[in-house]
Amino acid sequence: MLAIVAAILFAIAFILNAAGTATSAVFDPTSLLLAGLFCLALHLAGIGSGWSWRR
């Protein structure tokens, strides 16, 4: 699930960067890129993957 969020954040960052629009600091392409990398790192660490060890 977090990998999908990361992909969406990467896509938004790419569109903002390609369009060259002036946005606030929160929606800056660099901050969205870092948020996407954070979500991707959490996904690779196994957090939010949906697997449960409880039965």
PDB file of N, CA and C in Angstrom:
ATOM      1  N   MET A   1       0.820  -1.192   0.000  1.00  0.00           N
ATOM      2  CA  MET A   1       0.000   0.000   0.000  1.00  0.00           C
ATOM      3  C   MET A   1       0.867   1.259   0.000  1.00  0.00           C
ATOM      4  N   LEU A   2       1.944   1.236   0.788  1.00  0.00           N
ATOM      5  CA  LEU A   2       2.817   2.403   0.836  1.00  0.00           C
ATOM      6  C   LEU A   2       3.567   2.605  -0.475  1.00  0.00           C
ATOM      7  N   ALA A   3       3.805   1.530  -1.214  1.00  0.00           N
ATOM      8  CA  ALA A   3       4.466   1.671  -2.514  1.00  0.00           C
ATOM      9  C   ALA A   3       3.556   2.407  -3.494  1.00  0.00           C
ATOM     10  N   ILE A   4       2.263   2.195  -3.402  1.00  0.00           N
ATOM     11  CA  ILE A   4       1.312   2.909  -4.267  1.00  0.00           C
ATOM     12  C   ILE A   4       1.290   4.391  -3.902  1.00  0.00           C
ATOM     13  N   VAL A   5       1.317   4.685  -2.608  1.00  0.00           N
ATOM     14  CA  VAL A   5       1.366   6.084  -2.164  1.00  0.00           C
ATOM     15  C   VAL A   5       2.646   6.742  -2.657  1.00  0.00           C
ATOM     16  N   ALA A   6       3.758   6.012  -2.566  1.00  0.00           N
ATOM     17  CA  ALA A   6       5.032   6.552  -3.046  1.00  0.00           C
ATOM     18  C   ALA A   6       4.989   6.823  -4.546  1.00  0.00           C
ATOM     19  N   ALA A   7       4.395   5.911  -5.309  1.00  0.00           N
ATOM     20  CA  ALA A   7       4.298   6.114  -6.754  1.00  0.00           C
ATOM     21  C   ALA A   7       3.439   7.334  -7.086  1.00  0.00           C
ATOM     22  N   ILE A   8       2.373   7.545  -6.349  1.00  0.00           N
ATOM     23  CA  ILE A   8       1.520   8.716  -6.578  1.00  0.00           C
ATOM     24  C   ILE A   8       2.273   9.995  -6.239  1.00  0.00           C
ATOM     25  N   LEU A   9       3.023   9.984  -5.130  1.00  0.00           N
ATOM     26  CA  LEU A   9       3.806  11.157  -4.768  1.00  0.00           C
ATOM     27  C   LEU A   9       4.884  11.459  -5.796  1.00  0.00           C
ATOM     28  N   PHE A  10       5.522  10.402  -6.320  1.00  0.00           N
ATOM     29  CA  PHE A  10       6.531  10.600  -7.360  1.00  0.00           C
ATOM     30  C   PHE A  10       5.900  11.185  -8.614  1.00  0.00           C
ATOM     31  N   ALA A  11       4.716  10.726  -8.973  1.00  0.00           N
ATOM     32  CA  ALA A  11       4.041  11.242 -10.165  1.00  0.00           C
ATOM     33  C   ALA A  11       3.664  12.708  -9.999  1.00  0.00           C
ATOM     34  N   ILE A  12       3.163  13.066  -8.826  1.00  0.00           N
ATOM     35  CA  ILE A  12       2.804  14.474  -8.576  1.00  0.00           C
ATOM     36  C   ILE A  12       4.050  15.346  -8.607  1.00  0.00           C
ATOM     37  N   ALA A  13       5.150  14.862  -8.000  1.00  0.00           N
ATOM     38  CA  ALA A  13       6.393  15.630  -8.004  1.00  0.00           C
ATOM     39  C   ALA A  13       6.914  15.808  -9.418  1.00  0.00           C
ATOM     40  N   PHE A  14       6.796  14.769 -10.244  1.00  0.00           N
ATOM     41  CA  PHE A  14       7.257  14.867 -11.625  1.00  0.00           C
ATOM     42  C   PHE A  14       6.423  15.864 -12.420  1.00  0.00           C
ATOM     43  N   ILE A  15       5.124  15.823 -12.240  1.00  0.00           N
ATOM     44  CA  ILE A  15       4.246  16.748 -12.968  1.00  0.00           C
ATOM     45  C   ILE A  15       4.518  18.190 -12.554  1.00  0.00           C
ATOM     46  N   LEU A  16       4.689  18.427 -11.249  1.00  0.00           N
ATOM     47  CA  LEU A  16       4.990  19.781 -10.783  1.00  0.00           C
ATOM     48  C   LEU A  16       6.345  20.255 -11.301  1.00  0.00           C
ATOM     49  N   ASN A  17       7.310  19.353 -11.334  1.00  0.00           N
ATOM     50  CA  ASN A  17       8.632  19.721 -11.814  1.00  0.00           C
ATOM     51  C   ASN A  17       8.614  19.967 -13.320  1.00  0.00           C
ATOM     52  N   ALA A  18       7.903  19.148 -14.060  1.00  0.00           N
ATOM     53  CA  ALA A  18       7.852  19.301 -15.510  1.00  0.00           C
ATOM     54  C   ALA A  18       7.067  20.548 -15.917  1.00  0.00           C
ATOM     55  N   ALA A  19       6.035  20.877 -15.170  1.00  0.00           N
ATOM     56  CA  ALA A  19       5.227  22.045 -15.496  1.00  0.00           C
ATOM     57  C   ALA A  19       5.915  23.336 -15.072  1.00  0.00           C
ATOM     58  N   GLY A  20       6.812  23.254 -14.099  1.00  0.00           N
ATOM     59  CA  GLY A  20       7.521  24.428 -13.639  1.00  0.00           C
ATOM     60  C   GLY A  20       6.639  25.409 -12.900  1.00  0.00           C
ATOM     61  N   THR A  21       5.609  24.914 -12.252  1.00  0.00           N
ATOM     62  CA  THR A  21       4.696  25.788 -11.526  1.00  0.00           C
ATOM     63  C   THR A  21       5.306  26.195 -10.191  1.00  0.00           C
ATOM     64  N   ALA A  22       4.972  27.373  -9.742  1.00  0.00           N
ATOM     65  CA  ALA A  22       5.428  27.861  -8.440  1.00  0.00           C
ATOM     66  C   ALA A  22       4.405  27.447  -7.386  1.00  0.00           C
ATOM     67  N   THR A  23       4.841  26.640  -6.445  1.00  0.00           N
ATOM     68  CA  THR A  23       3.955  26.160  -5.388  1.00  0.00           C
ATOM     69  C   THR A  23       4.568  26.497  -4.034  1.00  0.00           C
ATOM     70  N   SER A  24       3.818  26.230  -2.985  1.00  0.00           N
ATOM     71  CA  SER A  24       4.329  26.488  -1.637  1.00  0.00           C
ATOM     72  C   SER A  24       5.393  25.443  -1.283  1.00  0.00           C
ATOM     73  N   ALA A  25       6.024  25.624  -0.141  1.00  0.00           N
ATOM     74  CA  ALA A  25       7.111  24.743   0.274  1.00  0.00           C
ATOM     75  C   ALA A  25       6.626  23.318   0.531  1.00  0.00           C
ATOM     76  N   VAL A  26       5.372  23.155   0.915  1.00  0.00           N
ATOM     77  CA  VAL A  26       4.862  21.818   1.211  1.00  0.00           C
ATOM     78  C   VAL A  26       4.716  21.005  -0.067  1.00  0.00           C
ATOM     79  N   PHE A  27       4.281  21.643  -1.138  1.00  0.00           N
ATOM     80  CA  PHE A  27       4.058  20.931  -2.390  1.00  0.00           C
ATOM     81  C   PHE A  27       5.195  21.137  -3.381  1.00  0.00           C
ATOM     82  N   ASP A  28       6.371  21.448  -2.883  1.00  0.00           N
ATOM     83  CA  ASP A  28       7.553  21.560  -3.712  1.00  0.00           C
ATOM     84  C   ASP A  28       7.921  20.164  -4.228  1.00  0.00           C
ATOM     85  N   PRO A  29       8.372  20.029  -5.469  1.00  0.00           N
ATOM     86  CA  PRO A  29       8.723  18.703  -5.983  1.00  0.00           C
ATOM     87  C   PRO A  29       9.766  17.979  -5.135  1.00  0.00           C
ATOM     88  N   THR A  30      10.693  18.706  -4.542  1.00  0.00           N
ATOM     89  CA  THR A  30      11.709  18.059  -3.708  1.00  0.00           C
ATOM     90  C   THR A  30      11.096  17.482  -2.437  1.00  0.00           C
ATOM     91  N   SER A  31      10.182  18.210  -1.811  1.00  0.00           N
ATOM     92  CA  SER A  31       9.563  17.686  -0.593  1.00  0.00           C
ATOM     93  C   SER A  31       8.656  16.496  -0.909  1.00  0.00           C
ATOM     94  N   LEU A  32       7.976  16.523  -2.058  1.00  0.00           N
ATOM     95  CA  LEU A  32       7.171  15.362  -2.450  1.00  0.00           C
ATOM     96  C   LEU A  32       8.049  14.171  -2.781  1.00  0.00           C
ATOM     97  N   LEU A  33       9.219  14.415  -3.377  1.00  0.00           N
ATOM     98  CA  LEU A  33      10.160  13.342  -3.662  1.00  0.00           C
ATOM     99  C   LEU A  33      10.639  12.696  -2.369  1.00  0.00           C
ATOM    100  N   LEU A  34      10.955  13.514  -1.377  1.00  0.00           N
ATOM    101  CA  LEU A  34      11.391  12.972  -0.092  1.00  0.00           C
ATOM    102  C   LEU A  34      10.271  12.212   0.615  1.00  0.00           C
ATOM    103  N   ALA A  35       9.052  12.696   0.514  1.00  0.00           N
ATOM    104  CA  ALA A  35       7.923  11.973   1.111  1.00  0.00           C
ATOM    105  C   ALA A  35       7.709  10.635   0.409  1.00  0.00           C
ATOM    106  N   GLY A  36       7.872  10.619  -0.904  1.00  0.00           N
ATOM    107  CA  GLY A  36       7.758   9.365  -1.643  1.00  0.00           C
ATOM    108  C   GLY A  36       8.851   8.383  -1.281  1.00  0.00           C
ATOM    109  N   LEU A  37      10.073   8.881  -1.116  1.00  0.00           N
ATOM    110  CA  LEU A  37      11.167   8.006  -0.694  1.00  0.00           C
ATOM    111  C   LEU A  37      10.942   7.463   0.714  1.00  0.00           C
ATOM    112  N   PHE A  38      10.360   8.278   1.583  1.00  0.00           N
ATOM    113  CA  PHE A  38      10.040   7.832   2.940  1.00  0.00           C
ATOM    114  C   PHE A  38       9.008   6.704   2.906  1.00  0.00           C
ATOM    115  N   CYS A  39       7.962   6.877   2.094  1.00  0.00           N
ATOM    116  CA  CYS A  39       6.935   5.829   1.974  1.00  0.00           C
ATOM    117  C   CYS A  39       7.512   4.567   1.356  1.00  0.00           C
ATOM    118  N   LEU A  40       8.392   4.723   0.384  1.00  0.00           N
ATOM    119  CA  LEU A  40       9.021   3.563  -0.242  1.00  0.00           C
ATOM    120  C   LEU A  40       9.928   2.830   0.740  1.00  0.00           C
ATOM    121  N   ALA A  41      10.650   3.573   1.566  1.00  0.00           N
ATOM    122  CA  ALA A  41      11.502   2.951   2.573  1.00  0.00           C
ATOM    123  C   ALA A  41      10.671   2.195   3.601  1.00  0.00           C
ATOM    124  N   LEU A  42       9.543   2.763   4.004  1.00  0.00           N
ATOM    125  CA  LEU A  42       8.663   2.055   4.946  1.00  0.00           C
ATOM    126  C   LEU A  42       8.108   0.790   4.310  1.00  0.00           C
ATOM    127  N   HIS A  43       7.779   0.853   3.031  1.00  0.00           N
ATOM    128  CA  HIS A  43       7.259  -0.327   2.345  1.00  0.00           C
ATOM    129  C   HIS A  43       8.318  -1.427   2.274  1.00  0.00           C
ATOM    130  N   LEU A  44       9.551  -1.041   1.952  1.00  0.00           N
ATOM    131  CA  LEU A  44      10.620  -2.031   1.871  1.00  0.00           C
ATOM    132  C   LEU A  44      10.978  -2.599   3.236  1.00  0.00           C
ATOM    133  N   ALA A  45      10.719  -1.841   4.294  1.00  0.00           N
ATOM    134  CA  ALA A  45      10.964  -2.334   5.649  1.00  0.00           C
ATOM    135  C   ALA A  45       9.860  -3.280   6.117  1.00  0.00           C
ATOM    136  N   GLY A  46       8.766  -3.359   5.361  1.00  0.00           N
ATOM    137  CA  GLY A  46       7.691  -4.278   5.715  1.00  0.00           C
ATOM    138  C   GLY A  46       6.554  -3.634   6.466  1.00  0.00           C
ATOM    139  N   ILE A  47       6.614  -2.339   6.672  1.00  0.00           N
ATOM    140  CA  ILE A  47       5.548  -1.641   7.388  1.00  0.00           C
ATOM    141  C   ILE A  47       4.433  -1.306   6.405  1.00  0.00           C
ATOM    142  N   GLY A  48       3.215  -1.659   6.743  1.00  0.00           N
ATOM    143  CA  GLY A  48       2.082  -1.359   5.882  1.00  0.00           C
ATOM    144  C   GLY A  48       1.925  -2.312   4.715  1.00  0.00           C
ATOM    145  N   SER A  49       2.561  -3.468   4.799  1.00  0.00           N
ATOM    146  CA  SER A  49       2.480  -4.408   3.685  1.00  0.00           C
ATOM    147  C   SER A  49       1.208  -5.247   3.714  1.00  0.00           C
ATOM    148  N   GLY A  50       0.504  -5.235   4.830  1.00  0.00           N
ATOM    149  CA  GLY A  50      -0.747  -5.965   4.900  1.00  0.00           C
ATOM    150  C   GLY A  50      -0.602  -7.376   5.427  1.00  0.00           C
ATOM    151  N   TRP A  51       0.608  -7.828   5.678  1.00  0.00           N
ATOM    152  CA  TRP A  51       0.809  -9.171   6.203  1.00  0.00           C
ATOM    153  C   TRP A  51       0.612  -9.158   7.707  1.00  0.00           C
ATOM    154  N   SER A  52      -0.074 -10.150   8.198  1.00  0.00           N
ATOM    155  CA  SER A  52      -0.320 -10.261   9.630  1.00  0.00           C
ATOM    156  C   SER A  52       0.144 -11.627  10.120  1.00  0.00           C
ATOM    157  N   TRP A  53       0.886 -11.654  11.208  1.00  0.00           N
ATOM    158  CA  TRP A  53       1.369 -12.912  11.751  1.00  0.00           C
ATOM    159  C   TRP A  53       0.377 -13.509  12.732  1.00  0.00           C
ATOM    160  N   ARG A  54      -0.648 -12.765  13.100  1.00  0.00           N
ATOM    161  CA  ARG A  54      -1.658 -13.303  14.014  1.00  0.00           C
ATOM    162  C   ARG A  54      -2.634 -14.184  13.255  1.00  0.00           C
ATOM    163  N   ARG A  55      -3.136 -15.192  13.937  1.00  0.00           N
ATOM    164  CA  ARG A  55      -4.105 -16.103  13.306  1.00  0.00           C
ATOM    165  C   ARG A  55      -5.416 -16.050  14.008  1.00  0.00           C
TER     166      ARG A  55
END
